Amino acid sequence: QVQLVESGGGLVQAGGSLRLSCAASGRTFSTYALGWFRQAPGKEREFVAAIRWSSGSTYHANSVQGRFTISRDNAKNTVYLQMNSLLPEDTAVYYCAAEELGLRSIVTMTWRQIDYWGKGTLVTVSS
């Protein structure tokens, strides 16, 4: 049973930084891609960033490119999302996701097709 547990959300002022963590367990993730999605109130869940567990290859959405960075620590089975230069429009619940089909799939699939999800962590950016 795959478990994904997010942490690190909170309230931050615009221009500030936060680091989200996702602790993954229940599976060997060598063939997986893990990623971050977000859902703002009244909006559809959207892709933010993803990482191929085996190689560390990454992909970031255009909206966060240059501000957010996804990384992973294999020894801790943890994926991180470093968020810098935060904007009020980054306010959302951030979800960790895991997809067995790999990096290209987690980037191109609709969120409903993704295999596993955490419960989310709220990030609020004040102006």
Foldseek 3Di string as FASTA:
>chain_A
DKAWAKDWADEEAAQAKTKMKIQIDDDDQQQKKKAKWWDDPPDFIGGAKIARVNPRDIDGDPVQPPFWDWGDDNVRNMIMIIGGRDDQVVWTWMKMFMANNGDVCVRPPGPVPTDDIHPTDTHGYHD
